[in-house]
């Protein structure tokens, strides 16, 4: 029941995200202005109204939510396929059933990936805000009693927050794919597993973060290049609205 409910909610949010993207790309007005620091050169720019700016913030949240969901499904597929390979005696004859893994994950575990993505989106922001406030207070004058009091309150809140959310992480997804555990059980299993092997995991986690950052940079550059070429040479938006001045 929970998997069906989360799938329905994800579908609704996906439709909203697509609508917001199309409306956002079509509400802007393309105007020609003088280029900065370049004489006798005109450039095109897009001017958005207030509604488009608000829709952009919603779209950013939905984009990262869907991105985390897709990455969660990817982790489930990899763990599922590797689990089949690991528990097969004659490993030389194993053909990793990617399509079967995708089918079973969509049928049984898609709700787990969506729940993990939702929890990450909702719970990450308070932690970042409290951490930012704590860092700002560290650089402030510690002679002030008010500054030390606020910093102590932030440290207490962060400690309580981390204690309550320590089991919620993406590392529960491989446990779910291999053992078919619920998200809560898989989260506890993954937490204590990483705690026992934290030294080995630290090196692998650094390499993973490095590769992901490089991938994000390349994706951003390619997307920016595509948008620039599209705006410069195509006079219509995705919704086929004429945008040339």
Protein backbone atom coordinates (compact mmCIF):
# COMPACT_ATOMS: atom_id res chain seq x y z
CA UNK A 1 0.00 0.00 0.00
CA UNK A 2 2.81 2.41 0.91
CA UNK A 3 4.65 1.67 -2.34
CA UNK A 4 1.50 2.31 -4.38
CA UNK A 5 0.82 5.58 -2.53
CA UNK A 6 4.37 6.88 -2.97
CA UNK A 7 4.32 5.93 -6.65
CA UNK A 8 1.11 7.89 -7.17
CA UNK A 9 2.55 10.90 -5.36
CA UNK A 10 5.75 10.70 -7.43
CA UNK A 11 3.73 10.58 -10.65
CA UNK A 12 1.72 13.65 -9.65
CA UNK A 13 4.87 15.61 -8.75
CA UNK A 14 6.48 14.50 -12.02
CA UNK A 15 3.55 15.86 -14.02
CA UNK A 16 3.69 19.13 -12.07
CA UNK A 17 7.42 19.40 -12.77
CA UNK A 18 6.95 18.88 -16.52
CA UNK A 19 4.17 21.50 -16.62
CA UNK A 20 6.29 23.98 -14.68
CA UNK A 21 9.26 23.42 -17.00
CA UNK A 22 7.20 24.03 -20.15
CA UNK A 23 5.50 27.09 -18.69
CA UNK A 24 8.79 28.46 -17.40
CA UNK A 25 10.46 28.10 -20.78
CA UNK A 26 7.54 29.83 -22.51
CA UNK A 27 6.75 32.72 -20.13
CA UNK A 28 10.02 34.55 -20.66
CA UNK A 29 10.24 37.46 -23.06
CA UNK A 30 13.28 37.55 -25.33
CA UNK A 31 14.69 41.07 -25.78
CA UNK A 32 17.79 42.44 -27.50
CA UNK A 33 20.14 44.57 -25.42
CA UNK A 34 23.60 46.05 -25.83
CA UNK A 35 26.40 43.72 -24.78
CA UNK A 36 28.46 44.76 -21.78
CA UNK A 37 32.05 45.85 -22.54
CA UNK A 38 31.61 45.05 -26.25
CA UNK A 39 30.85 47.95 -28.56
CA UNK A 40 28.29 47.70 -31.38
CA UNK A 41 27.19 44.23 -30.31
CA UNK A 42 23.66 43.09 -29.54
CA UNK A 43 22.82 40.05 -27.44
CA UNK A 44 19.57 38.27 -26.62
CA UNK A 45 18.39 37.94 -23.05
CA UNK A 46 15.28 36.50 -21.44
CA UNK A 47 13.19 38.54 -19.00
CA UNK A 48 10.90 36.53 -16.68
CA UNK A 49 7.92 37.71 -14.70
CA UNK A 50 7.35 37.16 -10.98
CA UNK A 51 5.33 33.99 -11.54
CA UNK A 52 8.17 32.41 -13.51
CA UNK A 53 10.66 33.15 -10.73
CA UNK A 54 8.44 31.47 -8.13
CA UNK A 55 7.90 28.50 -10.45
CA UNK A 56 11.67 28.22 -10.92
CA UNK A 57 12.23 27.61 -7.19
CA UNK A 58 9.54 24.92 -7.17
CA UNK A 59 11.03 23.36 -10.26
CA UNK A 60 14.51 23.27 -8.70
CA UNK A 61 13.17 21.40 -5.66
CA UNK A 62 11.27 18.94 -7.85
CA UNK A 63 14.29 18.47 -10.12
CA UNK A 64 16.58 17.43 -7.29
CA UNK A 65 13.82 15.26 -5.85
CA UNK A 66 13.46 13.36 -9.11
CA UNK A 67 17.23 13.22 -9.53
CA UNK A 68 17.63 11.59 -6.11
CA UNK A 69 14.85 9.14 -6.99
CA UNK A 70 16.59 8.14 -10.22
CA UNK A 71 19.91 7.74 -8.43
CA UNK A 72 18.15 5.60 -5.82
CA UNK A 73 16.70 3.33 -8.50
CA UNK A 74 20.19 3.09 -10.02
CA UNK A 75 21.62 1.98 -6.66
CA UNK A 76 18.87 -0.61 -6.32
CA UNK A 77 19.55 -2.05 -9.77
CA UNK A 78 23.30 -2.31 -9.15
CA UNK A 79 22.83 -3.93 -5.74
CA UNK A 80 20.21 -6.35 -7.10
CA UNK A 81 22.42 -7.48 -9.98
CA UNK A 82 25.52 -7.80 -7.79
CA UNK A 83 23.52 -9.76 -5.24
CA UNK A 84 22.55 -12.30 -7.89
CA UNK A 85 26.18 -12.58 -8.98
CA UNK A 86 27.48 -12.92 -5.40
CA UNK A 87 25.08 -15.67 -4.37
CA UNK A 88 25.60 -17.71 -7.54
CA UNK A 89 28.04 -20.57 -7.14
CA UNK A 90 29.32 -20.70 -10.73
CA UNK A 91 30.03 -17.03 -11.27
CA UNK A 92 31.60 -17.49 -14.70
CA UNK A 93 28.21 -18.45 -16.13
CA UNK A 94 26.23 -15.58 -14.62
CA UNK A 95 24.64 -13.03 -16.92
CA UNK A 96 23.55 -9.99 -14.92
CA UNK A 97 19.77 -9.67 -15.51
CA UNK A 98 19.47 -5.91 -15.68
CA UNK A 99 15.97 -5.94 -17.17
CA UNK A 100 14.73 -8.41 -14.59
CA UNK A 101 16.28 -6.30 -11.84
CA UNK A 102 14.58 -3.17 -13.20
CA UNK A 103 11.23 -4.97 -13.42
CA UNK A 104 11.38 -6.33 -9.86
CA UNK A 105 12.56 -3.02 -8.42
CA UNK A 106 9.78 -1.05 -10.11
CA UNK A 107 7.28 -3.67 -8.93
CA UNK A 108 8.45 -4.07 -5.31
CA UNK A 109 10.93 -1.37 -4.27
CA UNK A 110 10.12 1.82 -6.17
CA UNK A 111 8.37 3.19 -3.08
CA UNK A 112 11.57 2.75 -1.08
CA UNK A 113 13.55 4.85 -3.58
CA UNK A 114 10.89 7.57 -3.58
CA UNK A 115 10.67 7.62 0.22
CA UNK A 116 14.45 7.91 0.50
CA UNK A 117 14.49 10.81 -1.97
CA UNK A 118 11.65 12.60 -0.15
CA UNK A 119 13.29 12.16 3.25
CA UNK A 120 16.58 13.44 1.89
CA UNK A 121 14.98 16.53 0.36
CA UNK A 122 13.00 17.38 3.49
CA UNK A 123 15.66 16.61 6.11
CA UNK A 124 18.77 17.97 4.41
CA UNK A 125 17.77 21.66 4.42
CA UNK A 126 17.38 22.07 8.24
CA UNK A 127 20.78 20.44 8.80
CA UNK A 128 22.44 22.76 6.26
CA UNK A 129 20.81 25.84 7.79
CA UNK A 130 21.85 24.94 11.34
CA UNK A 131 25.37 24.11 10.20
CA UNK A 132 25.65 27.44 8.37
CA UNK A 133 24.46 29.35 11.43
CA UNK A 134 26.98 27.48 13.61
CA UNK A 135 29.87 28.30 11.24
CA UNK A 136 28.86 31.97 11.17
CA UNK A 137 28.76 32.08 14.96
CA UNK A 138 32.20 30.44 15.19
CA UNK A 139 33.67 33.35 13.23
CA UNK A 140 31.90 35.90 15.44
CA UNK A 141 33.31 37.38 18.62
CA UNK A 142 33.20 34.71 21.32
CA UNK A 143 33.28 37.31 24.06
CA UNK A 144 29.56 37.88 23.58
CA UNK A 145 27.35 35.77 25.83
CA UNK A 146 24.52 35.85 23.28
CA UNK A 147 26.76 34.47 20.52
CA UNK A 148 27.95 31.60 22.70
CA UNK A 149 24.38 30.85 23.79
CA UNK A 150 23.05 30.70 20.20
CA UNK A 151 26.03 28.54 19.13
CA UNK A 152 25.39 26.11 21.98
CA UNK A 153 21.71 25.90 21.03
CA UNK A 154 22.64 25.16 17.40
CA UNK A 155 25.07 22.43 18.46
CA UNK A 156 22.40 20.82 20.63
CA UNK A 157 19.83 20.99 17.82
CA UNK A 158 22.26 19.49 15.30
CA UNK A 159 23.18 16.68 17.71
CA UNK A 160 19.51 15.82 18.35
CA UNK A 161 18.75 16.09 14.64
CA UNK A 162 21.59 13.74 13.70
CA UNK A 163 20.58 11.24 16.37
CA UNK A 164 17.02 11.15 15.06
CA UNK A 165 17.99 10.90 11.39
CA UNK A 166 21.16 8.79 11.54
CA UNK A 167 19.39 5.75 10.08
CA UNK A 168 17.95 7.65 7.10
CA UNK A 169 20.44 7.40 4.24
CA UNK A 170 20.85 6.11 0.72
CA UNK A 171 22.89 3.17 2.02
CA UNK A 172 19.64 1.45 2.97
CA UNK A 173 18.81 0.92 -0.72
CA UNK A 174 21.40 -1.85 -1.38
CA UNK A 175 20.23 -3.66 1.76
CA UNK A 176 16.66 -3.46 0.50
CA UNK A 177 17.59 -4.77 -2.94
CA UNK A 178 19.65 -7.71 -1.63
CA UNK A 179 17.61 -8.80 1.40
CA UNK A 180 14.16 -7.35 0.53
CA UNK A 181 14.06 -5.63 3.91
CA UNK A 182 11.82 -2.71 4.76
CA UNK A 183 13.36 0.73 4.66
CA UNK A 184 13.59 1.05 8.45
CA UNK A 185 15.27 -2.35 8.92
CA UNK A 186 17.58 -1.81 5.96
CA UNK A 187 18.60 1.62 7.31
CA UNK A 188 19.65 0.19 10.67
CA UNK A 189 21.52 -2.69 9.01
CA UNK A 190 23.37 -0.31 6.70
CA UNK A 191 24.22 2.08 9.56
CA UNK A 192 25.85 -0.57 11.73
CA UNK A 193 27.54 -2.20 8.72
CA UNK A 194 29.21 1.11 7.80
CA UNK A 195 30.06 1.71 11.45
CA UNK A 196 31.99 -1.58 11.59
CA UNK A 197 33.91 -0.78 8.36
CA UNK A 198 34.16 3.00 8.58
CA UNK A 199 37.90 3.11 7.82
CA UNK A 200 37.57 1.19 4.56
CA UNK A 201 34.44 3.05 3.59
CA UNK A 202 35.99 6.52 4.04
CA UNK A 203 38.42 6.08 1.13
CA UNK A 204 35.75 4.71 -1.20
CA UNK A 205 33.34 7.49 -0.28
CA UNK A 206 35.93 10.15 -1.18
CA UNK A 207 36.45 8.58 -4.61
CA UNK A 208 32.71 8.34 -5.21
CA UNK A 209 32.15 11.98 -4.29
CA UNK A 210 34.99 13.06 -6.59
CA UNK A 211 33.54 11.17 -9.57
CA UNK A 212 30.04 12.53 -8.91
CA UNK A 213 31.31 16.12 -8.73
CA UNK A 214 33.11 15.75 -12.05
CA UNK A 215 29.99 14.28 -13.63
CA UNK A 216 27.85 17.16 -12.34
CA UNK A 217 30.27 19.74 -13.72
CA UNK A 218 30.30 18.10 -17.18
CA UNK A 219 26.50 17.80 -17.18
CA UNK A 220 26.07 21.48 -16.24
CA UNK A 221 28.46 22.63 -18.98
CA UNK A 222 26.77 20.52 -21.65
CA UNK A 223 23.30 21.64 -20.57
CA UNK A 224 24.37 25.29 -20.57
CA UNK A 225 25.87 24.93 -24.05
CA UNK A 226 22.67 23.33 -25.35
CA UNK A 227 20.50 26.10 -23.88
CA UNK A 228 22.77 28.80 -25.32
CA UNK A 229 22.65 27.29 -28.82
CA UNK A 230 18.88 26.79 -28.58
CA UNK A 231 18.20 30.38 -27.53
CA UNK A 232 20.61 31.84 -30.09
CA UNK A 233 19.45 30.02 -33.23
CA UNK A 234 15.87 28.78 -32.67
CA UNK A 235 13.13 31.45 -32.55
CA UNK A 236 10.54 29.17 -30.90
CA UNK A 237 10.23 27.82 -27.39
CA UNK A 238 9.52 24.16 -26.57
CA UNK A 239 5.79 24.97 -26.51
CA UNK A 240 6.18 26.39 -30.08
CA UNK A 241 5.65 29.97 -28.95
CA UNK A 242 7.41 32.60 -31.03
CA UNK A 243 10.13 34.26 -28.93
CA UNK A 244 12.11 36.39 -31.39
CA UNK A 245 11.75 40.15 -30.91
